[in-house]
C-alpha cells in the first residue's frame, strides 16, 4: 500500500526547486505524492497548519512535516 505524501509550497523559486528535487524524487511505487500550491489553494492553509507545517516548502510524510528550506512562513500566506 502506498503512503501519502503532501508537498506544500507557495510557488516561489525556493519552493519550485524543492518540488523538482524532492517531491518528484519520491518513488511513485511507494508514495502517492500530492503537491499543494498554497498561494492558489488558500483554503488548505488550515490543513497545512494542522499537519504541523510552519513554513514552505514542506513535505508531510507519515504524518510528520519536513521543513526543507525557508521560502515563506505559513502566516505570511494568509
N, C-alpha and C. Protein backbone atom coordinates (compact mmCIF):
# COMPACT_ATOMS: atom_id res chain seq x y z
N UNK A 1 0.84 -1.18 0.00
CA UNK A 1 0.00 0.00 0.00
C UNK A 1 0.89 1.25 0.00
N UNK A 2 0.53 2.24 -0.83
CA UNK A 2 1.31 3.46 -0.93
C UNK A 2 1.06 4.36 0.28
N UNK A 3 2.12 5.06 0.68
CA UNK A 3 1.99 6.08 1.72
C UNK A 3 1.64 7.39 1.04
N UNK A 4 0.87 8.21 1.74
CA UNK A 4 0.54 9.53 1.21
C UNK A 4 1.61 10.52 1.63
N UNK A 5 2.02 11.35 0.71
CA UNK A 5 2.96 12.44 0.97
C UNK A 5 2.34 13.70 0.39
N UNK A 6 2.37 14.78 1.17
CA UNK A 6 1.84 16.06 0.69
C UNK A 6 2.96 17.08 0.71
N UNK A 7 3.22 17.67 -0.44
CA UNK A 7 4.24 18.70 -0.57
C UNK A 7 3.54 20.04 -0.67
N UNK A 8 3.73 20.89 0.34
CA UNK A 8 3.11 22.22 0.37
C UNK A 8 4.15 23.24 -0.07
N UNK A 9 3.71 24.17 -0.93
CA UNK A 9 4.61 25.23 -1.35
C UNK A 9 3.81 26.47 -1.71
N UNK A 10 4.54 27.56 -2.01
CA UNK A 10 3.88 28.83 -2.32
C UNK A 10 4.23 29.34 -3.71
N UNK A 11 4.95 28.56 -4.48
CA UNK A 11 5.27 28.95 -5.84
C UNK A 11 6.53 29.78 -6.01
N UNK A 12 7.21 30.07 -4.91
CA UNK A 12 8.45 30.86 -5.00
C UNK A 12 9.56 29.99 -5.60
N UNK A 13 10.65 30.59 -6.05
CA UNK A 13 11.74 29.81 -6.65
C UNK A 13 12.30 28.73 -5.72
N UNK A 14 12.40 29.03 -4.43
CA UNK A 14 12.87 28.03 -3.47
C UNK A 14 11.93 26.83 -3.44
N UNK A 15 10.63 27.12 -3.44
CA UNK A 15 9.63 26.05 -3.40
C UNK A 15 9.63 25.20 -4.67
N UNK A 16 9.68 25.87 -5.79
CA UNK A 16 9.66 25.16 -7.08
C UNK A 16 10.89 24.26 -7.21
N UNK A 17 12.04 24.76 -6.78
CA UNK A 17 13.26 23.97 -6.82
C UNK A 17 13.16 22.76 -5.89
N UNK A 18 12.62 22.96 -4.69
CA UNK A 18 12.45 21.86 -3.75
C UNK A 18 11.47 20.82 -4.29
N UNK A 19 10.40 21.28 -4.93
CA UNK A 19 9.44 20.34 -5.52
C UNK A 19 10.13 19.48 -6.58
N UNK A 20 10.88 20.13 -7.45
CA UNK A 20 11.57 19.41 -8.52
C UNK A 20 12.57 18.41 -7.97
N UNK A 21 13.31 18.81 -6.94
CA UNK A 21 14.37 17.95 -6.42
C UNK A 21 13.89 16.90 -5.43
N UNK A 22 12.85 17.20 -4.67
CA UNK A 22 12.45 16.28 -3.61
C UNK A 22 11.12 15.58 -3.89
N UNK A 23 10.09 16.34 -4.10
CA UNK A 23 8.76 15.73 -4.25
C UNK A 23 8.72 14.77 -5.43
N UNK A 24 9.36 15.15 -6.53
CA UNK A 24 9.35 14.30 -7.71
C UNK A 24 10.38 13.17 -7.63
N UNK A 25 11.22 13.21 -6.62
CA UNK A 25 12.23 12.17 -6.45
C UNK A 25 11.70 10.97 -5.65
N UNK A 26 10.56 11.15 -4.99
CA UNK A 26 10.00 10.04 -4.23
C UNK A 26 9.53 8.93 -5.16
N UNK A 27 9.75 7.72 -4.75
CA UNK A 27 9.39 6.55 -5.55
C UNK A 27 7.87 6.47 -5.71
N UNK A 28 7.36 6.62 -6.93
CA UNK A 28 5.91 6.58 -7.13
C UNK A 28 5.28 5.23 -6.83
N UNK A 29 6.07 4.20 -6.76
CA UNK A 29 5.55 2.89 -6.38
C UNK A 29 5.29 2.82 -4.87
N UNK A 30 5.95 3.68 -4.11
CA UNK A 30 5.82 3.68 -2.65
C UNK A 30 5.01 4.84 -2.10
N UNK A 31 4.99 5.97 -2.84
CA UNK A 31 4.36 7.18 -2.33
C UNK A 31 3.37 7.77 -3.32
N UNK A 32 2.23 8.15 -2.81
CA UNK A 32 1.23 8.90 -3.56
C UNK A 32 1.46 10.36 -3.17
N UNK A 33 2.11 11.12 -4.04
CA UNK A 33 2.51 12.49 -3.74
C UNK A 33 1.47 13.48 -4.27
N UNK A 34 1.00 14.33 -3.37
CA UNK A 34 0.11 15.42 -3.75
C UNK A 34 0.87 16.72 -3.56
N UNK A 35 0.87 17.56 -4.57
CA UNK A 35 1.53 18.87 -4.50
C UNK A 35 0.44 19.91 -4.31
N UNK A 36 0.59 20.71 -3.25
CA UNK A 36 -0.40 21.75 -2.94
C UNK A 36 0.27 23.12 -2.98
N UNK A 37 -0.17 23.93 -3.90
CA UNK A 37 0.32 25.31 -4.04
C UNK A 37 -0.58 26.17 -3.16
N UNK A 38 -0.08 26.56 -2.00
CA UNK A 38 -0.90 27.30 -1.04
C UNK A 38 -1.20 28.72 -1.49
N UNK A 39 -0.47 29.24 -2.44
CA UNK A 39 -0.80 30.55 -2.99
C UNK A 39 -2.06 30.48 -3.85
N UNK A 40 -2.32 29.32 -4.42
CA UNK A 40 -3.50 29.13 -5.26
C UNK A 40 -4.62 28.40 -4.53
N UNK A 41 -4.28 27.68 -3.47
CA UNK A 41 -5.28 26.90 -2.71
C UNK A 41 -5.27 27.35 -1.25
N UNK A 42 -5.57 28.64 -1.05
CA UNK A 42 -5.53 29.21 0.31
C UNK A 42 -6.49 28.51 1.27
N UNK A 43 -7.51 27.86 0.74
CA UNK A 43 -8.46 27.15 1.60
C UNK A 43 -7.79 25.95 2.30
N UNK A 44 -6.59 25.60 1.89
CA UNK A 44 -5.89 24.47 2.51
C UNK A 44 -4.83 24.90 3.53
N UNK A 45 -4.75 26.21 3.80
CA UNK A 45 -3.80 26.71 4.80
C UNK A 45 -4.03 26.10 6.17
N UNK A 46 -5.29 26.00 6.60
CA UNK A 46 -5.59 25.41 7.91
C UNK A 46 -5.16 23.94 7.96
N UNK A 47 -5.39 23.23 6.89
CA UNK A 47 -4.98 21.82 6.79
C UNK A 47 -3.46 21.70 6.96
N UNK A 48 -2.72 22.56 6.27
CA UNK A 48 -1.26 22.54 6.37
C UNK A 48 -0.82 22.83 7.80
N UNK A 49 -1.45 23.82 8.41
CA UNK A 49 -1.11 24.18 9.78
C UNK A 49 -1.40 23.02 10.75
N UNK A 50 -2.53 22.36 10.58
CA UNK A 50 -2.86 21.20 11.43
C UNK A 50 -1.85 20.07 11.25
N UNK A 51 -1.26 19.98 10.06
CA UNK A 51 -0.25 18.94 9.79
C UNK A 51 1.11 19.31 10.38
N UNK A 52 1.22 20.52 10.94
CA UNK A 52 2.47 20.92 11.58
C UNK A 52 3.36 21.79 10.70
N UNK A 53 2.87 22.16 9.53
CA UNK A 53 3.65 23.00 8.62
C UNK A 53 3.70 24.41 9.18
N UNK A 54 4.91 24.97 9.26
CA UNK A 54 5.11 26.33 9.76
C UNK A 54 5.68 27.24 8.68
N UNK A 55 6.34 26.62 7.69
CA UNK A 55 6.88 27.38 6.57
C UNK A 55 6.90 26.46 5.36
N UNK A 56 6.98 27.09 4.20
CA UNK A 56 7.05 26.32 2.97
C UNK A 56 8.36 26.62 2.27
N UNK A 57 8.89 25.67 1.55
CA UNK A 57 8.34 24.38 1.20
C UNK A 57 8.44 23.38 2.35
N UNK A 58 7.46 22.51 2.40
CA UNK A 58 7.45 21.47 3.42
C UNK A 58 6.82 20.21 2.84
N UNK A 59 7.34 19.08 3.24
CA UNK A 59 6.81 17.78 2.83
C UNK A 59 6.27 17.09 4.07
N UNK A 60 5.00 16.72 4.03
CA UNK A 60 4.40 15.97 5.14
C UNK A 60 4.36 14.51 4.71
N UNK A 61 5.10 13.71 5.46
CA UNK A 61 5.24 12.29 5.14
C UNK A 61 5.05 11.51 6.43
N UNK A 62 4.18 10.51 6.41
CA UNK A 62 3.89 9.70 7.59
C UNK A 62 3.43 10.57 8.75
N UNK A 63 2.70 11.64 8.42
CA UNK A 63 2.13 12.50 9.46
C UNK A 63 3.09 13.48 10.09
N UNK A 64 4.30 13.56 9.59
CA UNK A 64 5.30 14.47 10.17
C UNK A 64 5.81 15.44 9.10
N UNK A 65 5.86 16.74 9.43
CA UNK A 65 6.35 17.71 8.45
C UNK A 65 7.87 17.76 8.40
N UNK A 66 8.37 17.90 7.21
CA UNK A 66 9.79 18.12 6.98
C UNK A 66 9.91 19.48 6.31
N UNK A 67 10.47 20.44 7.05
CA UNK A 67 10.66 21.78 6.51
C UNK A 67 11.98 21.78 5.75
N UNK A 68 11.91 21.94 4.46
CA UNK A 68 13.04 21.73 3.58
C UNK A 68 13.97 22.93 3.54
N UNK A 69 13.41 24.09 3.40
CA UNK A 69 14.17 25.33 3.32
C UNK A 69 13.18 26.42 3.69
N UNK A 70 13.62 27.61 3.93
CA UNK A 70 12.67 28.66 4.27
C UNK A 70 12.37 29.51 3.06
N UNK A 71 11.17 29.31 2.51
CA UNK A 71 10.72 30.14 1.40
C UNK A 71 9.77 31.21 1.89
N UNK A 72 8.81 30.82 2.74
CA UNK A 72 7.84 31.75 3.31
C UNK A 72 7.20 31.11 4.54
N UNK A 73 6.95 31.95 5.54
CA UNK A 73 6.23 31.48 6.72
C UNK A 73 4.76 31.26 6.33
N UNK A 74 4.15 30.25 6.92
CA UNK A 74 2.75 29.96 6.62
C UNK A 74 1.88 31.18 6.92
N UNK A 75 2.16 31.90 8.00
CA UNK A 75 1.39 33.07 8.37
C UNK A 75 1.46 34.17 7.30
N UNK A 76 2.57 34.24 6.58
CA UNK A 76 2.71 35.24 5.52
C UNK A 76 1.81 34.95 4.33
N UNK A 77 1.32 33.73 4.21
CA UNK A 77 0.46 33.34 3.10
C UNK A 77 -1.01 33.65 3.38
N UNK A 78 -1.31 33.98 4.61
CA UNK A 78 -2.72 34.25 4.99
C UNK A 78 -3.19 35.58 4.52
